[in-house]
């Protein structure tokens, strides 16, 4: 392949959004309180690129084992909700992460009492890194 063809291909890929380097990702912190037996989600958008994502459980009080997952935002009877679709860790503790490849779209980070083991509410913070 000639250098001109390679440069042309690179420019056309860049014009279509291309692949984002993890070093240029947006980092969004989300906080909440998880109730025993409950679940909650935090929505985020990947506007125009694909790349890698990571969801990290950064703080939790009191310390417990909870679940974190990536989901897609869907509309059910006029209400937006989070449908877990990939990369789940039902045994997450502070410092644990999930991650993988992600494309343009509307997503959510799901936090849930995966093992129905919580006896008191848990305050948490997660950080979502995405293109």
Protein backbone atom coordinates (compact mmCIF):
# COMPACT_ATOMS: atom_id res chain seq x y z
CA UNK A 1 0.00 0.00 0.00
CA UNK A 2 1.36 3.42 -0.87
CA UNK A 3 1.90 6.11 1.75
CA UNK A 4 -0.70 8.33 0.03
CA UNK A 5 -3.35 5.58 0.27
CA UNK A 6 -2.49 4.93 3.94
CA UNK A 7 -2.74 8.65 4.77
CA UNK A 8 -6.04 8.90 2.91
CA UNK A 9 -7.46 5.93 4.83
CA UNK A 10 -6.29 7.39 8.14
CA UNK A 11 -7.90 10.74 7.35
CA UNK A 12 -11.19 9.13 6.36
CA UNK A 13 -11.28 7.08 9.57
CA UNK A 14 -10.55 10.20 11.64
CA UNK A 15 -13.35 12.07 9.86
CA UNK A 16 -15.83 9.35 10.88
CA UNK A 17 -15.01 9.66 14.55
CA UNK A 18 -12.44 6.88 14.62
CA UNK A 19 -11.21 5.08 17.69
CA UNK A 20 -10.57 7.08 20.82
CA UNK A 21 -7.40 6.53 22.86
CA UNK A 22 -8.16 5.76 26.53
CA UNK A 23 -5.85 8.65 27.47
CA UNK A 24 -8.36 11.08 25.91
CA UNK A 25 -11.42 9.59 27.63
CA UNK A 26 -13.94 11.63 29.58
CA UNK A 27 -14.01 10.73 33.30
CA UNK A 28 -17.40 11.14 34.98
CA UNK A 29 -17.92 10.55 38.70
CA UNK A 30 -21.37 9.48 39.91
CA UNK A 31 -22.49 9.10 43.53
CA UNK A 32 -25.54 7.58 45.10
CA UNK A 33 -27.00 5.40 47.81
CA UNK A 34 -27.80 1.75 47.18
CA UNK A 35 -30.63 0.32 49.27
CA UNK A 36 -30.76 -3.32 50.38
CA UNK A 37 -32.11 -5.43 47.50
CA UNK A 38 -32.06 -2.39 45.22
CA UNK A 39 -30.43 -1.10 42.08
CA UNK A 40 -29.71 2.30 40.60
CA UNK A 41 -28.13 3.56 37.41
CA UNK A 42 -26.26 6.54 36.04
CA UNK A 43 -26.69 7.43 32.36
CA UNK A 44 -23.90 8.62 30.07
CA UNK A 45 -23.45 9.10 26.32
CA UNK A 46 -20.68 8.12 23.95
CA UNK A 47 -21.32 10.79 21.30
CA UNK A 48 -19.19 10.10 18.25
CA UNK A 49 -16.39 7.62 18.80
CA UNK A 50 -15.69 4.12 19.81
CA UNK A 51 -12.98 3.03 22.16
CA UNK A 52 -12.52 1.61 25.62
CA UNK A 53 -14.57 2.22 28.73
CA UNK A 54 -13.99 1.51 32.40
CA UNK A 55 -16.35 1.66 35.36
CA UNK A 56 -14.53 1.81 38.71
CA UNK A 57 -16.04 1.55 42.18
CA UNK A 58 -14.07 4.32 43.92
CA UNK A 59 -15.71 4.76 47.35
CA UNK A 60 -18.23 2.89 49.47
CA UNK A 61 -19.54 3.42 53.02
CA UNK A 62 -20.09 1.12 54.79
CA UNK A 63 -17.82 -1.34 53.02
CA UNK A 64 -19.81 -4.12 51.35
CA UNK A 65 -19.86 -6.30 48.25
CA UNK A 66 -22.12 -4.92 45.51
CA UNK A 67 -22.55 -5.38 41.77
CA UNK A 68 -21.55 -3.04 38.95
CA UNK A 69 -22.42 -3.49 35.28
CA UNK A 70 -22.53 -1.72 31.92
CA UNK A 71 -25.96 -1.35 30.37
CA UNK A 72 -27.76 0.35 27.52
CA UNK A 73 -30.42 2.97 28.01
CA UNK A 74 -33.74 1.83 26.57
CA UNK A 75 -37.22 3.30 26.47
CA UNK A 76 -39.95 1.19 28.05
CA UNK A 77 -43.48 2.63 27.87
CA UNK A 78 -42.13 6.17 27.66
CA UNK A 79 -39.69 5.75 30.56
CA UNK A 80 -35.92 5.54 30.18
CA UNK A 81 -34.39 2.62 32.00
CA UNK A 82 -31.09 0.76 32.14
CA UNK A 83 -30.79 -2.75 30.73
CA UNK A 84 -27.59 -4.53 31.81
CA UNK A 85 -26.02 -5.89 28.65
CA UNK A 86 -22.34 -6.56 29.27
CA UNK A 87 -19.40 -6.65 31.62
CA UNK A 88 -20.86 -7.27 35.04
CA UNK A 89 -19.05 -7.82 38.32
CA UNK A 90 -21.50 -9.03 40.99
CA UNK A 91 -18.72 -9.09 43.61
CA UNK A 92 -17.34 -5.55 43.39
CA UNK A 93 -15.49 -3.87 46.23
CA UNK A 94 -13.64 -0.54 46.31
CA UNK A 95 -10.97 -0.46 43.61
CA UNK A 96 -12.64 -3.07 41.37
CA UNK A 97 -13.30 -2.19 37.74
CA UNK A 98 -15.02 -3.52 34.68
CA UNK A 99 -14.24 -2.45 31.14
CA UNK A 100 -14.04 -3.26 27.49
CA UNK A 101 -14.89 -1.90 24.06
CA UNK A 102 -17.71 0.59 23.56
CA UNK A 103 -19.30 2.31 20.54
CA UNK A 104 -21.38 5.42 20.04
CA UNK A 105 -24.66 5.27 21.98
CA UNK A 106 -26.57 5.85 25.20
CA UNK A 107 -25.28 3.77 28.10
CA UNK A 108 -25.62 3.43 31.84
CA UNK A 109 -23.55 2.27 34.76
CA UNK A 110 -25.67 -0.02 36.90
CA UNK A 111 -25.03 -0.41 40.63
CA UNK A 112 -27.00 -3.17 42.36
CA UNK A 113 -27.28 -5.46 45.38
CA UNK A 114 -26.33 -8.50 43.32
CA UNK A 115 -26.29 -11.03 46.12
CA UNK A 116 -29.16 -9.51 48.13
CA UNK A 117 -26.72 -9.32 51.02
CA UNK A 118 -27.01 -5.65 52.03
CA UNK A 119 -28.67 -5.01 55.38
CA UNK A 120 -28.18 -1.23 55.43
CA UNK A 121 -27.96 1.46 52.71
CA UNK A 122 -24.52 1.89 51.11
CA UNK A 123 -23.21 5.24 49.88
CA UNK A 124 -20.94 4.84 46.86
CA UNK A 125 -19.06 6.68 44.15
CA UNK A 126 -18.21 5.21 40.77
CA UNK A 127 -16.09 6.75 38.03
CA UNK A 128 -16.95 6.08 34.40
CA UNK A 129 -14.22 6.59 31.80
CA UNK A 130 -15.40 6.58 28.18
CA UNK A 131 -14.70 8.11 24.74
